[in-house]
């Protein structure tokens, strides 16, 4: 639990912008 939480936080900090960008692009494409 703790290890996964830490890894998830690290992944979010490093790739949040990229993931958010992809999500926004996907939503715009669907709309």
PDB file of N, CA and C in Angstrom:
ATOM      1  N   UNK A   1       0.839  -1.199   0.000  1.00  0.00           N
ATOM      2  CA  UNK A   1       0.000   0.000   0.000  1.00  0.00           C
ATOM      3  C   UNK A   1       0.874   1.250   0.000  1.00  0.00           C
ATOM      4  N   UNK A   2       1.766   1.351   0.976  1.00  0.00           N
ATOM      5  CA  UNK A   2       2.600   2.549   1.060  1.00  0.00           C
ATOM      6  C   UNK A   2       3.498   2.690  -0.161  1.00  0.00           C
ATOM      7  N   UNK A   3       4.108   1.570  -0.570  1.00  0.00           N
ATOM      8  CA  UNK A   3       5.008   1.622  -1.722  1.00  0.00           C
ATOM      9  C   UNK A   3       4.246   2.050  -2.973  1.00  0.00           C
ATOM     10  N   UNK A   4       3.069   1.468  -3.196  1.00  0.00           N
ATOM     11  CA  UNK A   4       2.291   1.800  -4.385  1.00  0.00           C
ATOM     12  C   UNK A   4       1.877   3.273  -4.345  1.00  0.00           C
ATOM     13  N   UNK A   5       1.517   3.756  -3.164  1.00  0.00           N
ATOM     14  CA  UNK A   5       1.105   5.147  -3.040  1.00  0.00           C
ATOM     15  C   UNK A   5       2.262   6.074  -3.410  1.00  0.00           C
ATOM     16  N   UNK A   6       3.461   5.739  -2.918  1.00  0.00           N
ATOM     17  CA  UNK A   6       4.613   6.581  -3.231  1.00  0.00           C
ATOM     18  C   UNK A   6       4.902   6.570  -4.720  1.00  0.00           C
ATOM     19  N   UNK A   7       4.864   5.388  -5.332  1.00  0.00           N
ATOM     20  CA  UNK A   7       5.156   5.281  -6.760  1.00  0.00           C
ATOM     21  C   UNK A   7       4.101   6.046  -7.556  1.00  0.00           C
ATOM     22  N   UNK A   8       2.839   5.950  -7.126  1.00  0.00           N
ATOM     23  CA  UNK A   8       1.782   6.654  -7.844  1.00  0.00           C
ATOM     24  C   UNK A   8       2.000   8.160  -7.747  1.00  0.00           C
ATOM     25  N   UNK A   9       2.368   8.647  -6.572  1.00  0.00           N
ATOM     26  CA  UNK A   9       2.608  10.077  -6.412  1.00  0.00           C
ATOM     27  C   UNK A   9       3.761  10.522  -7.297  1.00  0.00           C
ATOM     28  N   UNK A  10       4.824   9.739  -7.336  1.00  0.00           N
ATOM     29  CA  UNK A  10       5.986  10.083  -8.154  1.00  0.00           C
ATOM     30  C   UNK A  10       5.588  10.100  -9.623  1.00  0.00           C
ATOM     31  N   UNK A  11       4.814   9.112 -10.036  1.00  0.00           N
ATOM     32  CA  UNK A  11       4.390   9.042 -11.436  1.00  0.00           C
ATOM     33  C   UNK A  11       3.511  10.249 -11.763  1.00  0.00           C
ATOM     34  N   UNK A  12       2.623  10.613 -10.845  1.00  0.00           N
ATOM     35  CA  UNK A  12       1.757  11.759 -11.093  1.00  0.00           C
ATOM     36  C   UNK A  12       2.584  13.033 -11.216  1.00  0.00           C
ATOM     37  N   UNK A  13       3.560  13.203 -10.352  1.00  0.00           N
ATOM     38  CA  UNK A  13       4.374  14.415 -10.401  1.00  0.00           C
ATOM     39  C   UNK A  13       5.174  14.498 -11.692  1.00  0.00           C
ATOM     40  N   UNK A  14       5.699  13.345 -12.138  1.00  0.00           N
ATOM     41  CA  UNK A  14       6.545  13.359 -13.333  1.00  0.00           C
ATOM     42  C   UNK A  14       5.721  13.388 -14.611  1.00  0.00           C
ATOM     43  N   UNK A  15       4.629  12.611 -14.665  1.00  0.00           N
ATOM     44  CA  UNK A  15       3.881  12.478 -15.908  1.00  0.00           C
ATOM     45  C   UNK A  15       2.488  13.080 -15.858  1.00  0.00           C
ATOM     46  N   UNK A  16       2.204  13.879 -14.821  1.00  0.00           N
ATOM     47  CA  UNK A  16       0.866  14.454 -14.707  1.00  0.00           C
ATOM     48  C   UNK A  16       0.565  15.354 -15.891  1.00  0.00           C
ATOM     49  N   UNK A  17       1.531  16.193 -16.262  1.00  0.00           N
ATOM     50  CA  UNK A  17       1.305  17.128 -17.361  1.00  0.00           C
ATOM     51  C   UNK A  17       1.058  16.358 -18.651  1.00  0.00           C
ATOM     52  N   UNK A  18       1.852  15.320 -18.893  1.00  0.00           N
ATOM     53  CA  UNK A  18       1.708  14.532 -20.120  1.00  0.00           C
ATOM     54  C   UNK A  18       0.370  13.806 -20.129  1.00  0.00           C
ATOM     55  N   UNK A  19       0.032  13.166 -19.021  1.00  0.00           N
ATOM     56  CA  UNK A  19      -1.238  12.434 -18.944  1.00  0.00           C
ATOM     57  C   UNK A  19      -2.408  13.407 -19.078  1.00  0.00           C
ATOM     58  N   UNK A  20      -2.332  14.529 -18.382  1.00  0.00           N
ATOM     59  CA  UNK A  20      -3.410  15.510 -18.449  1.00  0.00           C
ATOM     60  C   UNK A  20      -3.570  16.014 -19.872  1.00  0.00           C
ATOM     61  N   UNK A  21      -2.434  16.266 -20.542  1.00  0.00           N
ATOM     62  CA  UNK A  21      -2.471  16.734 -21.923  1.00  0.00           C
ATOM     63  C   UNK A  21      -3.174  15.710 -22.809  1.00  0.00           C
ATOM     64  N   UNK A  22      -2.799  14.430 -22.659  1.00  0.00           N
ATOM     65  CA  UNK A  22      -3.410  13.373 -23.474  1.00  0.00           C
ATOM     66  C   UNK A  22      -4.904  13.280 -23.187  1.00  0.00           C
ATOM     67  N   UNK A  23      -5.285  13.389 -21.920  1.00  0.00           N
ATOM     68  CA  UNK A  23      -6.700  13.305 -21.557  1.00  0.00           C
ATOM     69  C   UNK A  23      -7.475  14.455 -22.184  1.00  0.00           C
ATOM     70  N   UNK A  24      -6.930  15.660 -22.086  1.00  0.00           N
ATOM     71  CA  UNK A  24      -7.606  16.829 -22.662  1.00  0.00           C
ATOM     72  C   UNK A  24      -7.752  16.665 -24.165  1.00  0.00           C
ATOM     73  N   UNK A  25      -6.688  16.227 -24.828  1.00  0.00           N
ATOM     74  CA  UNK A  25      -6.740  16.022 -26.281  1.00  0.00           C
ATOM     75  C   UNK A  25      -7.792  14.977 -26.623  1.00  0.00           C
ATOM     76  N   UNK A  26      -7.839  13.897 -25.846  1.00  0.00           N
ATOM     77  CA  UNK A  26      -8.820  12.837 -26.098  1.00  0.00           C
ATOM     78  C   UNK A  26     -10.239  13.376 -25.938  1.00  0.00           C
ATOM     79  N   UNK A  27     -10.477  14.152 -24.895  1.00  0.00           N
ATOM     80  CA  UNK A  27     -11.818  14.708 -24.664  1.00  0.00           C
ATOM     81  C   UNK A  27     -12.202  15.631 -25.811  1.00  0.00           C
ATOM     82  N   UNK A  28     -11.283  16.490 -26.227  1.00  0.00           N
ATOM     83  CA  UNK A  28     -11.564  17.410 -27.336  1.00  0.00           C
ATOM     84  C   UNK A  28     -11.857  16.619 -28.604  1.00  0.00           C
ATOM     85  N   UNK A  29     -11.084  15.559 -28.835  1.00  0.00           N
ATOM     86  CA  UNK A  29     -11.292  14.744 -30.037  1.00  0.00           C
ATOM     87  C   UNK A  29     -12.680  14.100 -30.002  1.00  0.00           C
ATOM     88  N   UNK A  30     -13.101  13.625 -28.817  1.00  0.00           N
ATOM     89  CA  UNK A  30     -14.421  12.993 -28.695  1.00  0.00           C
ATOM     90  C   UNK A  30     -15.515  14.033 -28.920  1.00  0.00           C
ATOM     91  N   UNK A  31     -15.336  15.219 -28.370  1.00  0.00           N
ATOM     92  CA  UNK A  31     -16.342  16.265 -28.538  1.00  0.00           C
ATOM     93  C   UNK A  31     -16.355  16.751 -29.980  1.00  0.00           C
TER      94      UNK A  31
END
